[in-house]
N, C-alpha and C. Protein backbone atom coordinates (compact mmCIF):
# COMPACT_ATOMS: atom_id res chain seq x y z
N MET A 1 -1.87 3.40 43.64
CA MET A 1 -1.76 4.32 42.94
C MET A 1 -0.45 4.22 42.28
N LYS A 2 0.63 4.22 43.08
CA LYS A 2 1.90 3.85 43.21
C LYS A 2 2.15 2.60 42.28
N CYS A 3 1.30 1.91 42.31
CA CYS A 3 1.67 0.51 41.59
C CYS A 3 0.99 0.47 40.39
N VAL A 4 0.23 1.25 40.22
CA VAL A 4 -0.62 1.63 38.42
C VAL A 4 0.43 2.54 37.95
N ILE A 5 1.37 3.47 38.42
CA ILE A 5 2.25 4.00 37.61
C ILE A 5 3.57 3.24 37.17
N VAL A 6 4.11 2.74 38.43
CA VAL A 6 5.23 1.84 38.23
C VAL A 6 4.64 0.72 37.02
N SER A 7 3.48 0.30 37.15
CA SER A 7 3.01 -0.69 35.30
C SER A 7 2.85 -0.04 34.32
N VAL A 8 2.50 1.15 34.33
CA VAL A 8 2.49 1.80 33.30
C VAL A 8 3.99 2.15 32.49
N VAL A 9 4.98 2.56 33.63
CA VAL A 9 6.20 3.21 33.27
C VAL A 9 6.80 1.60 32.66
N ALA A 10 6.72 0.46 33.46
CA ALA A 10 7.09 -0.66 33.08
C ALA A 10 6.45 -1.24 31.71
N ILE A 11 5.53 -0.87 31.29
CA ILE A 11 5.13 -1.19 29.76
C ILE A 11 5.54 -0.33 28.78
N LEU A 12 5.80 0.57 29.19
CA LEU A 12 6.10 1.60 28.32
C LEU A 12 7.88 1.20 28.17
N ALA A 13 8.58 0.89 28.99
CA ALA A 13 9.77 0.32 28.77
C ALA A 13 9.99 -0.80 27.93
N VAL A 14 9.05 -1.64 28.15
CA VAL A 14 9.17 -3.01 27.64
C VAL A 14 8.72 -2.37 26.03
N ILE A 15 7.75 -1.78 25.70
CA ILE A 15 7.53 -1.30 24.39
C ILE A 15 8.69 -0.77 23.72
N GLN A 16 9.46 0.26 24.58
CA GLN A 16 10.56 0.73 24.08
C GLN A 16 11.62 -0.36 23.78
N LEU A 17 11.92 -1.29 24.52
CA LEU A 17 12.99 -1.99 24.20
C LEU A 17 12.52 -2.76 22.94
N LEU A 18 11.35 -3.06 22.70
CA LEU A 18 11.01 -4.22 21.66
C LEU A 18 11.34 -3.35 20.52
N VAL A 19 10.99 -2.06 20.26
CA VAL A 19 11.07 -1.37 19.15
C VAL A 19 12.38 -0.55 18.91
N GLN A 20 13.22 -1.46 18.05
CA GLN A 20 14.63 -1.37 17.67
C GLN A 20 14.60 -1.10 16.24
N PRO A 21 15.30 0.14 15.82
CA PRO A 21 15.40 0.34 14.37
C PRO A 21 15.81 -0.56 13.62
N GLY A 22 15.67 -0.82 12.58
CA GLY A 22 16.56 -1.81 11.48
C GLY A 22 16.30 -3.40 11.69
N GLN A 23 15.27 -3.70 12.83
CA GLN A 23 15.13 -4.84 12.83
C GLN A 23 13.69 -5.16 12.29
N ALA A 24 13.14 -6.84 11.75
CA ALA A 24 12.06 -7.17 11.30
C ALA A 24 10.81 -6.86 12.39
N ILE A 25 9.80 -6.37 12.27
CA ILE A 25 8.70 -6.20 12.94
C ILE A 25 7.90 -7.78 13.21
N THR A 26 8.00 -7.74 14.61
CA THR A 26 6.85 -9.41 14.73
C THR A 26 5.78 -9.21 15.46
N CYS A 27 4.92 -10.21 15.47
CA CYS A 27 3.71 -9.84 16.16
C CYS A 27 3.90 -9.84 17.60
N GLY A 28 4.78 -10.45 18.26
CA GLY A 28 5.07 -10.05 19.43
C GLY A 28 5.28 -8.90 20.00
N GLN A 29 6.08 -8.21 18.93
CA GLN A 29 6.03 -6.71 19.42
C GLN A 29 5.05 -6.01 19.59
N VAL A 30 3.94 -5.92 18.16
CA VAL A 30 2.60 -5.40 18.19
C VAL A 30 1.60 -5.88 19.41
N ASP A 31 1.83 -7.46 19.65
CA ASP A 31 0.79 -7.85 20.60
C ASP A 31 1.35 -6.98 22.04
N ALA A 32 2.38 -6.76 22.20
CA ALA A 32 2.95 -5.94 23.49
C ALA A 32 2.76 -4.74 23.54
N ALA A 33 2.79 -4.20 22.29
CA ALA A 33 2.57 -2.40 22.25
C ALA A 33 0.88 -2.20 22.13
N LEU A 34 0.11 -3.30 21.82
CA LEU A 34 -1.30 -2.77 22.14
C LEU A 34 -2.23 -3.75 23.25
N ALA A 35 -1.33 -4.80 23.91
CA ALA A 35 -1.84 -5.16 25.20
C ALA A 35 -2.61 -3.99 26.26
N PRO A 36 -1.78 -2.95 26.85
CA PRO A 36 -2.53 -1.83 27.11
C PRO A 36 -3.93 -1.71 26.48
N CYS A 37 -4.06 -1.65 25.44
CA CYS A 37 -5.48 -1.02 24.70
C CYS A 37 -6.37 -2.03 25.01
N ILE A 38 -6.44 -3.50 24.99
CA ILE A 38 -7.31 -4.32 25.38
C ILE A 38 -8.89 -3.83 26.18
N PRO A 39 -8.64 -3.41 27.62
CA PRO A 39 -9.76 -2.74 28.48
C PRO A 39 -10.49 -1.77 27.32
N TYR A 40 -9.76 -0.87 26.61
CA TYR A 40 -10.31 0.20 25.89
C TYR A 40 -11.15 -0.50 24.51
N LEU A 41 -10.47 -1.37 24.23
CA LEU A 41 -10.93 -1.90 23.08
C LEU A 41 -11.99 -2.76 23.09
N THR A 42 -12.27 -3.38 24.23
CA THR A 42 -13.35 -4.25 24.31
C THR A 42 -14.49 -3.67 25.46
N GLY A 43 -13.77 -2.81 26.02
CA GLY A 43 -14.80 -1.99 26.93
C GLY A 43 -15.64 -0.70 26.61
N GLY A 44 -14.60 0.44 25.83
CA GLY A 44 -14.99 1.42 25.50
C GLY A 44 -14.38 2.30 26.68
N GLY A 45 -14.64 3.88 26.66
CA GLY A 45 -14.06 4.73 27.51
C GLY A 45 -13.20 5.68 27.15
N GLU A 46 -11.94 5.69 27.63
CA GLU A 46 -10.96 6.55 26.98
C GLU A 46 -10.01 5.52 27.15
N PRO A 47 -8.56 5.58 26.16
CA PRO A 47 -7.79 4.93 26.09
C PRO A 47 -6.51 5.45 27.15
N SER A 48 -5.95 4.14 27.90
CA SER A 48 -5.13 4.70 28.99
C SER A 48 -3.41 5.24 28.36
N GLY A 49 -2.87 5.67 29.34
CA GLY A 49 -1.45 6.78 28.46
C GLY A 49 -0.79 5.36 28.25
N ALA A 50 -0.45 4.24 28.77
CA ALA A 50 0.08 3.03 28.20
C ALA A 50 -0.44 2.58 26.99
N CYS A 51 -1.81 2.58 26.77
CA CYS A 51 -2.37 2.09 25.45
C CYS A 51 -1.82 3.32 24.44
N CYS A 52 -1.92 4.40 24.43
CA CYS A 52 -1.48 5.34 23.39
C CYS A 52 -0.15 5.43 23.24
N GLY A 53 0.82 5.25 23.98
CA GLY A 53 2.22 5.08 23.87
C GLY A 53 2.63 3.45 23.24
N GLY A 54 1.51 2.59 23.14
CA GLY A 54 1.75 1.26 22.25
C GLY A 54 1.36 1.87 20.81
N VAL A 55 0.24 2.56 20.87
CA VAL A 55 -0.04 3.24 19.28
C VAL A 55 1.06 3.83 18.66
N LYS A 56 1.72 4.76 19.45
CA LYS A 56 2.69 5.39 18.93
C LYS A 56 3.71 4.61 18.74
N ALA A 57 4.33 3.61 19.35
CA ALA A 57 4.98 2.72 19.16
C ALA A 57 4.98 2.10 18.09
N ILE A 58 3.82 1.50 17.46
CA ILE A 58 3.49 0.84 16.33
C ILE A 58 3.85 1.69 15.07
N GLN A 59 3.13 3.00 15.36
CA GLN A 59 3.22 3.84 14.01
C GLN A 59 4.73 4.10 13.90
N GLY A 60 5.42 4.02 14.76
CA GLY A 60 6.86 4.17 14.70
C GLY A 60 7.54 2.92 14.11
N MET A 61 6.95 1.99 14.16
CA MET A 61 7.76 0.74 13.62
C MET A 61 7.30 0.77 12.60
N ALA A 62 6.02 1.22 11.55
CA ALA A 62 5.98 0.90 10.38
C ALA A 62 6.50 2.20 9.50
N GLN A 63 7.68 1.97 9.15
CA GLN A 63 8.04 3.01 8.29
C GLN A 63 8.11 2.91 6.77
N THR A 64 8.12 1.44 6.42
CA THR A 64 8.44 0.96 5.00
C THR A 64 7.11 0.40 4.59
N THR A 65 6.80 0.02 3.52
CA THR A 65 5.45 -0.72 3.09
C THR A 65 5.59 -2.19 3.76
N ALA A 66 6.62 -2.41 3.86
CA ALA A 66 6.67 -4.07 3.98
C ALA A 66 6.55 -4.20 5.60
N ASP A 67 7.25 -2.91 6.66
CA ASP A 67 6.82 -2.85 7.78
C ASP A 67 5.21 -2.58 8.07
N LYS A 68 4.55 -1.96 7.33
CA LYS A 68 3.29 -1.61 7.39
C LYS A 68 2.49 -2.78 7.18
N ARG A 69 2.82 -3.21 6.41
CA ARG A 69 1.64 -4.76 6.05
C ARG A 69 2.30 -5.65 6.99
N ALA A 70 3.20 -5.77 7.45
CA ALA A 70 3.45 -6.55 8.74
C ALA A 70 2.91 -6.38 9.88
N CYS A 71 3.04 -5.04 10.19
CA CYS A 71 2.21 -4.35 11.28
C CYS A 71 0.69 -4.77 11.15
N CYS A 72 0.30 -4.52 10.07
CA CYS A 72 -1.51 -4.58 9.76
C CYS A 72 -1.56 -6.07 9.91
N THR A 73 -0.81 -6.91 9.54
CA THR A 73 -1.22 -8.59 9.55
C THR A 73 -1.18 -8.71 11.33
N CYS A 74 -0.20 -8.31 11.82
CA CYS A 74 -0.26 -8.36 13.21
C CYS A 74 -1.46 -8.04 14.06
N VAL A 75 -1.77 -6.61 13.80
CA VAL A 75 -2.82 -5.87 14.30
C VAL A 75 -4.45 -6.51 14.07
N LYS A 76 -4.19 -7.01 13.01
CA LYS A 76 -5.49 -7.69 12.45
C LYS A 76 -5.86 -8.90 13.04
N ALA A 77 -4.53 -9.79 13.21
CA ALA A 77 -4.60 -10.94 14.10
C ALA A 77 -5.05 -11.12 15.33
N ALA A 78 -4.57 -9.93 15.87
CA ALA A 78 -4.47 -9.53 17.22
C ALA A 78 -6.04 -9.16 17.58
N ALA A 79 -6.76 -7.82 16.60
CA ALA A 79 -8.16 -8.04 16.78
C ALA A 79 -9.17 -9.14 16.59
N ASN A 80 -8.77 -10.34 15.99
CA ASN A 80 -9.76 -11.16 15.69
C ASN A 80 -9.56 -12.13 16.87
N ARG A 81 -8.84 -11.83 17.99
CA ARG A 81 -8.72 -12.87 19.10
C ARG A 81 -9.56 -12.31 20.02
N TYR A 82 -10.22 -11.34 19.66
CA TYR A 82 -11.25 -10.55 20.65
C TYR A 82 -12.78 -10.34 20.29
N ALA A 83 -13.39 -11.48 20.20
CA ALA A 83 -14.86 -11.78 19.64
C ALA A 83 -15.76 -10.16 20.35
N ASN A 84 -15.10 -9.62 21.22
CA ASN A 84 -15.95 -8.72 22.00
C ASN A 84 -15.22 -7.09 21.90
N LEU A 85 -14.55 -7.28 20.92
CA LEU A 85 -13.76 -5.96 20.37
C LEU A 85 -14.72 -4.91 19.69
N LYS A 86 -14.92 -3.88 20.17
CA LYS A 86 -15.64 -2.75 19.69
C LYS A 86 -15.10 -2.00 18.75
N ASP A 87 -15.89 -2.18 17.44
CA ASP A 87 -15.23 -1.69 16.07
C ASP A 87 -15.10 -0.27 16.22
N ASP A 88 -16.09 0.58 16.83
CA ASP A 88 -16.20 1.70 16.86
C ASP A 88 -14.99 2.19 17.84
N ALA A 89 -14.67 1.77 19.02
CA ALA A 89 -13.59 2.21 19.58
C ALA A 89 -12.26 1.85 18.96
N ALA A 90 -12.24 0.82 18.00
CA ALA A 90 -10.92 0.47 17.58
C ALA A 90 -10.70 1.63 16.44
N GLN A 91 -11.80 2.16 15.61
CA GLN A 91 -11.99 3.35 14.52
C GLN A 91 -11.43 4.34 15.49
N ALA A 92 -11.67 4.71 16.61
CA ALA A 92 -11.51 5.63 17.02
C ALA A 92 -10.11 6.10 17.83
N LEU A 93 -9.52 4.75 17.94
CA LEU A 93 -8.44 4.60 18.87
C LEU A 93 -7.16 5.88 18.36
N PRO A 94 -6.60 5.66 17.28
CA PRO A 94 -5.97 6.52 16.92
C PRO A 94 -5.95 8.08 17.25
N MET A 95 -7.31 8.40 16.93
CA MET A 95 -7.60 9.60 17.01
C MET A 95 -7.37 10.04 18.75
N LYS A 96 -8.16 9.45 19.24
CA LYS A 96 -8.03 9.59 20.66
C LYS A 96 -6.71 9.87 21.22
N CYS A 97 -5.56 8.88 20.77
CA CYS A 97 -4.02 8.83 21.21
C CYS A 97 -3.37 10.12 20.20
N GLY A 98 -4.39 10.71 19.44
CA GLY A 98 -3.70 11.90 18.53
C GLY A 98 -2.71 11.44 17.89
N VAL A 99 -2.78 10.34 16.97
CA VAL A 99 -1.70 9.56 16.33
C VAL A 99 -2.30 9.48 14.60
N SER A 100 -1.97 9.68 13.70
CA SER A 100 -1.86 10.11 12.74
C SER A 100 -1.76 8.59 11.92
N MET A 101 -2.66 7.31 12.09
CA MET A 101 -2.14 6.15 11.58
C MET A 101 -2.74 5.56 10.88
N ASP A 102 -1.84 5.24 9.54
CA ASP A 102 -2.71 4.28 8.38
C ASP A 102 -2.35 3.25 8.55
N ILE A 103 -2.39 2.29 9.59
CA ILE A 103 -2.40 0.81 9.92
C ILE A 103 -3.84 0.92 10.62
N PRO A 104 -4.91 0.53 10.20
CA PRO A 104 -6.22 0.56 10.75
C PRO A 104 -6.38 -0.79 11.86
N VAL A 105 -6.61 -0.68 12.93
CA VAL A 105 -7.20 -1.66 14.00
C VAL A 105 -8.42 -2.01 13.49
N SER A 106 -8.32 -3.10 13.14
CA SER A 106 -9.61 -3.73 12.31
C SER A 106 -9.51 -5.28 12.23
N ARG A 107 -10.46 -5.82 12.15
CA ARG A 107 -10.54 -7.37 12.13
C ARG A 107 -10.56 -7.89 10.50
N SER A 108 -11.10 -6.53 9.70
CA SER A 108 -11.60 -7.09 8.70
C SER A 108 -10.54 -6.38 7.40
N VAL A 109 -9.78 -5.69 7.37
CA VAL A 109 -8.75 -5.04 6.58
C VAL A 109 -8.14 -5.72 5.85
N ASN A 110 -7.82 -5.48 4.67
CA ASN A 110 -6.82 -6.53 3.76
C ASN A 110 -5.52 -5.72 3.58
N CYS A 111 -4.62 -6.22 4.34
CA CYS A 111 -3.46 -5.81 4.43
C CYS A 111 -2.28 -5.73 3.25
N GLU A 112 -2.92 -6.35 2.23
CA GLU A 112 -2.07 -6.23 0.96
C GLU A 112 -2.27 -4.92 0.21
N ILE A 113 -3.28 -4.39 0.42
CA ILE A 113 -3.45 -2.91 -0.26
C ILE A 113 -2.62 -1.76 0.11
N LEU A 114 -1.91 -1.96 0.89
CA LEU A 114 -0.89 -1.15 1.83
C LEU A 114 0.30 -0.86 1.04
N ASP A 115 0.28 -1.54 0.07
CA ASP A 115 1.40 -1.51 -1.19
C ASP A 115 1.39 -0.57 -2.51
N ARG A 116 -0.14 -0.10 -2.45
CA ARG A 116 -0.34 0.62 -3.53
C ARG A 116 -0.72 2.21 -2.28
N PRO A 117 -0.20 3.44 -3.33
CA PRO A 117 -0.65 4.62 -2.57
C PRO A 117 -1.94 4.85 -2.33
N SER A 118 -2.77 4.73 -3.23
CA SER A 118 -4.14 4.92 -3.06
C SER A 118 -5.00 4.34 -2.01
N LEU A 119 -4.70 2.99 -2.28
CA LEU A 119 -5.25 2.37 -1.59
C LEU A 119 -4.71 2.25 0.00
N ALA A 120 -3.62 2.36 0.19
CA ALA A 120 -2.89 2.69 1.22
C ALA A 120 -3.77 3.85 2.29
N ALA A 121 -3.70 4.80 1.24
CA ALA A 121 -4.49 6.40 2.19
C ALA A 121 -5.64 5.96 2.58
N LEU A 122 -6.57 5.21 1.83
CA LEU A 122 -8.16 4.60 2.23
C LEU A 122 -8.08 3.59 3.50
N ALA A 123 -6.84 3.05 3.66
CA ALA A 123 -6.84 2.06 4.69
C ALA A 123 -7.45 2.18 5.94
N PRO A 124 -7.45 3.40 6.66
CA PRO A 124 -8.05 3.39 7.66
C PRO A 124 -9.73 4.02 7.72
N CYS A 125 -10.40 3.69 6.35
CA CYS A 125 -11.33 3.92 6.16
C CYS A 125 -12.15 2.81 6.24
N ILE A 126 -11.78 1.71 6.30
CA ILE A 126 -12.33 0.56 6.26
C ILE A 126 -13.13 0.18 7.53
N PRO A 127 -12.61 0.38 8.65
CA PRO A 127 -13.96 0.08 9.79
C PRO A 127 -15.12 1.16 9.46
N TYR A 128 -14.83 2.21 9.06
CA TYR A 128 -15.87 3.17 8.85
C TYR A 128 -16.86 2.63 7.72
N LEU A 129 -16.23 2.10 6.50
CA LEU A 129 -16.98 1.79 5.44
C LEU A 129 -18.00 0.51 5.72
N THR A 130 -17.27 -0.27 6.50
CA THR A 130 -17.82 -1.51 6.94
C THR A 130 -18.67 -1.62 8.24
N GLY A 131 -18.60 -0.57 8.90
CA GLY A 131 -19.39 -0.54 10.15
C GLY A 131 -20.08 0.66 10.40
N GLY A 132 -19.98 1.41 9.25
CA GLY A 132 -20.75 2.76 9.60
C GLY A 132 -20.10 3.63 10.90
N GLY A 133 -21.02 4.44 11.08
CA GLY A 133 -20.63 5.52 12.23
C GLY A 133 -19.84 6.98 11.67
N GLU A 134 -18.82 7.27 12.13
CA GLU A 134 -18.18 8.34 11.76
C GLU A 134 -16.88 7.83 11.04
N PRO A 135 -16.09 8.45 10.12
CA PRO A 135 -15.11 8.41 9.60
C PRO A 135 -14.04 8.96 10.81
N SER A 136 -12.82 8.21 10.77
CA SER A 136 -11.69 8.76 11.81
C SER A 136 -10.93 9.95 11.01
N SER A 137 -9.99 10.63 11.97
CA SER A 137 -9.31 11.85 11.36
C SER A 137 -8.25 10.96 10.18
N ALA A 138 -7.72 9.88 10.47
CA ALA A 138 -6.63 9.21 9.57
C ALA A 138 -7.32 8.92 8.51
N CYS A 139 -8.93 8.24 8.14
CA CYS A 139 -9.58 8.22 7.00
C CYS A 139 -9.52 9.53 6.36
N CYS A 140 -10.05 10.30 6.95
CA CYS A 140 -10.29 11.65 6.27
C CYS A 140 -9.02 12.17 5.64
N GLY A 141 -8.01 11.83 6.43
CA GLY A 141 -6.55 12.40 5.84
C GLY A 141 -6.26 11.57 4.57
N GLY A 142 -6.68 10.29 4.54
CA GLY A 142 -6.69 9.30 3.36
C GLY A 142 -7.43 9.95 2.36
N VAL A 143 -8.45 10.31 2.51
CA VAL A 143 -9.58 10.66 1.43
C VAL A 143 -8.80 11.86 0.63
N LYS A 144 -8.46 12.89 1.79
CA LYS A 144 -7.90 14.06 1.01
C LYS A 144 -6.57 13.64 0.00
N ALA A 145 -5.74 12.60 0.69
CA ALA A 145 -4.45 12.38 0.23
C ALA A 145 -4.91 12.01 -1.15
N VAL A 146 -5.60 10.96 -1.33
CA VAL A 146 -6.28 10.53 -2.70
C VAL A 146 -6.59 11.59 -3.54
N GLN A 147 -7.47 12.42 -2.96
CA GLN A 147 -7.98 13.81 -3.90
C GLN A 147 -6.81 14.52 -4.79
N GLY A 148 -5.56 14.62 -3.72
CA GLY A 148 -4.52 15.19 -3.98
C GLY A 148 -3.99 14.41 -4.91
N MET A 149 -3.63 13.18 -5.25
CA MET A 149 -3.13 12.36 -6.05
C MET A 149 -3.36 12.56 -7.66
N ALA A 150 -4.93 12.60 -7.56
CA ALA A 150 -5.51 12.69 -8.74
C ALA A 150 -5.73 13.77 -9.52
N GLN A 151 -4.90 14.52 -9.97
CA GLN A 151 -4.79 15.79 -10.67
C GLN A 151 -4.79 15.66 -12.40
N THR A 152 -4.48 14.35 -12.89
CA THR A 152 -5.07 14.40 -14.32
C THR A 152 -6.04 13.35 -14.44
N THR A 153 -6.46 13.28 -15.84
CA THR A 153 -7.33 12.34 -16.02
C THR A 153 -6.83 10.96 -15.78
N ALA A 154 -5.80 10.64 -16.50
CA ALA A 154 -5.14 9.16 -16.11
C ALA A 154 -4.98 9.23 -14.61
N ASP A 155 -4.41 9.88 -14.04
CA ASP A 155 -4.35 9.69 -12.19
C ASP A 155 -5.66 9.45 -11.75
N LYS A 156 -6.88 10.29 -12.36
CA LYS A 156 -8.03 10.12 -11.77
C LYS A 156 -8.50 8.71 -12.09
N ARG A 157 -8.36 8.14 -13.30
CA ARG A 157 -8.75 6.79 -13.69
C ARG A 157 -8.23 5.71 -12.69
N ALA A 158 -6.72 5.79 -12.76
CA ALA A 158 -6.05 4.94 -11.86
C ALA A 158 -6.42 5.00 -11.00
N CYS A 159 -6.59 6.19 -9.91
CA CYS A 159 -7.08 6.28 -8.35
C CYS A 159 -8.63 5.29 -8.63
N CYS A 160 -9.45 5.85 -9.43
CA CYS A 160 -10.83 5.09 -9.41
C CYS A 160 -10.37 3.53 -9.54
N THR A 161 -9.96 2.97 -10.50
CA THR A 161 -9.64 1.98 -10.57
C THR A 161 -9.07 1.26 -9.28
N CYS A 162 -8.10 1.59 -8.49
CA CYS A 162 -7.60 0.72 -7.39
C CYS A 162 -8.63 1.04 -6.15
N VAL A 163 -9.56 2.30 -6.17
CA VAL A 163 -10.35 2.36 -5.31
C VAL A 163 -11.51 1.21 -5.44
N LYS A 164 -12.03 1.28 -6.85
CA LYS A 164 -12.80 -0.01 -7.05
C LYS A 164 -12.43 -1.26 -6.52
N VAL A 165 -11.20 -1.50 -7.02
CA VAL A 165 -10.81 -2.99 -6.42
C VAL A 165 -10.98 -2.98 -5.20
N ALA A 166 -10.43 -2.03 -4.46
CA ALA A 166 -10.51 -2.14 -2.77
C ALA A 166 -11.93 -2.48 -2.33
N ALA A 167 -12.81 -1.72 -2.82
CA ALA A 167 -14.07 -1.80 -2.46
C ALA A 167 -15.11 -2.90 -2.77
N ASN A 168 -14.28 -3.86 -3.58
CA ASN A 168 -14.88 -4.82 -4.39
C ASN A 168 -14.29 -5.96 -3.32
N ARG A 169 -13.19 -5.83 -2.66
CA ARG A 169 -12.65 -6.82 -1.57
C ARG A 169 -13.65 -7.07 -0.24
N TYR A 170 -14.62 -6.14 -0.11
CA TYR A 170 -15.31 -6.26 1.23
C TYR A 170 -16.50 -6.13 0.81
N ALA A 171 -17.28 -7.63 1.05
CA ALA A 171 -18.51 -7.79 0.64
C ALA A 171 -19.35 -6.99 1.83
N ASN A 172 -18.94 -6.79 2.81
CA ASN A 172 -19.88 -5.98 3.99
C ASN A 172 -19.51 -4.57 4.17
N LEU A 173 -19.21 -4.31 2.71
CA LEU A 173 -18.97 -2.48 2.44
C LEU A 173 -20.55 -1.95 2.40
N LYS A 174 -20.67 -0.78 3.26
CA LYS A 174 -21.63 -0.05 3.42
C LYS A 174 -21.93 0.90 1.97
N ASP A 175 -22.71 0.99 1.25
CA ASP A 175 -22.84 1.64 -0.05
C ASP A 175 -23.18 3.06 0.50
N GLY A 176 -24.06 3.40 1.52
CA GLY A 176 -24.48 4.15 1.93
C GLY A 176 -23.13 5.08 2.90
N ALA A 177 -22.59 4.41 3.27
CA ALA A 177 -21.46 5.09 4.16
C ALA A 177 -20.03 5.49 3.07
N ALA A 178 -20.21 4.56 2.06
CA ALA A 178 -19.04 4.97 0.87
C ALA A 178 -19.45 6.19 0.52
N GLN A 179 -20.62 6.34 -0.09
CA GLN A 179 -21.49 7.68 -0.84
C GLN A 179 -21.28 8.83 0.15
N ALA A 180 -21.13 8.66 1.43
CA ALA A 180 -21.35 9.79 2.24
C ALA A 180 -19.64 10.18 2.63
N LEU A 181 -18.78 9.34 2.17
CA LEU A 181 -17.56 9.42 2.80
C LEU A 181 -17.06 10.71 2.50
N PRO A 182 -17.08 11.15 1.40
CA PRO A 182 -16.12 12.71 0.87
C PRO A 182 -16.91 13.75 1.81
N MET A 183 -18.11 13.78 1.93
CA MET A 183 -19.08 14.93 2.69
C MET A 183 -18.87 14.87 3.94
N LYS A 184 -18.55 13.61 4.29
CA LYS A 184 -18.31 13.31 5.75
C LYS A 184 -16.82 14.16 6.36
N CYS A 185 -16.14 14.03 5.52
CA CYS A 185 -14.35 14.50 5.44
C CYS A 185 -14.47 15.94 4.85
N GLY A 186 -15.47 16.56 4.47
CA GLY A 186 -15.33 17.76 4.09
C GLY A 186 -14.25 18.04 2.63
N VAL A 187 -14.72 16.76 1.80
CA VAL A 187 -14.03 16.79 0.75
C VAL A 187 -14.43 17.16 -0.35
N SER A 188 -14.34 17.56 -1.38
CA SER A 188 -15.26 17.26 -2.90
C SER A 188 -14.24 16.67 -3.82
N MET A 189 -14.59 15.47 -3.83
CA MET A 189 -14.04 14.38 -4.52
C MET A 189 -14.75 13.59 -5.79
N ASP A 190 -13.96 13.69 -6.77
CA ASP A 190 -14.69 13.20 -8.15
C ASP A 190 -14.26 11.76 -8.54
N ILE A 191 -13.64 11.27 -7.31
CA ILE A 191 -13.34 9.94 -7.16
C ILE A 191 -14.55 8.94 -6.59
N PRO A 192 -15.72 8.40 -7.14
CA PRO A 192 -16.56 7.82 -5.77
C PRO A 192 -16.04 6.53 -5.53
N VAL A 193 -16.07 6.28 -4.16
CA VAL A 193 -15.81 5.16 -3.62
C VAL A 193 -16.97 4.03 -3.55
N SER A 194 -16.63 3.23 -4.59
CA SER A 194 -17.73 2.38 -5.36
C SER A 194 -17.35 1.17 -5.55
N ARG A 195 -18.26 0.20 -5.77
CA ARG A 195 -17.97 -1.31 -6.41
C ARG A 195 -18.18 -1.29 -7.56
N SER A 196 -19.01 -0.27 -8.01
CA SER A 196 -19.53 -0.45 -9.78
C SER A 196 -19.53 0.99 -10.44
N VAL A 197 -18.43 1.53 -10.05
CA VAL A 197 -18.30 3.01 -10.94
C VAL A 197 -17.64 2.31 -12.42
N ASN A 198 -18.10 3.14 -13.06
CA ASN A 198 -17.25 2.92 -14.31
C ASN A 198 -16.21 3.71 -14.51
N CYS A 199 -14.84 4.01 -14.32
CA CYS A 199 -13.51 4.32 -14.15
C CYS A 199 -13.17 5.30 -15.66
N GLU A 200 -13.81 4.52 -16.71
CA GLU A 200 -13.38 5.18 -18.03
C GLU A 200 -14.07 6.56 -18.19
N MET A 201 -15.23 6.85 -17.58
CA MET A 201 -16.16 7.96 -17.83
C MET A 201 -15.28 9.08 -17.24
């Protein structure tokens, strides 16, 4: 038990050293932060304290759009190294760690969408939209944010267009999951998550 505690403290210390403000984010930093999460991501159960410390560290690294895109790319690369990664576990990780994270742990997310506010807000929904199940709290937070952005007709059309473009980037997007998303998040949303909606209407 003592050895386990020492190991957890050592991992957290390494993560703390890696996350230095004002420095460009590297995949080595992201990999080190997520390393303690691998048993949870591939086996399920509950994430360890060290894993949640790493998730919080990644969220802390990503303060700018460039940082978020860099982190997203590294997380996606790391996720794709594990064929047995459980998508539902990955989707639930931020919520289980009590972190509102706009960088999804996903093998299929398009990290380029993080430079557009409405698309960045929906990025945490990609695992749900492509895999089903239940949307994460971060996803529902994004849905509410998109609804809040769209106050005028012009805003609604712009958001609709961005959401439609994002939806068409994912051939494996589940239409039923997309249609159910606002209801599952408890949001009355007049911007559909759809690949075929006419945004001029």
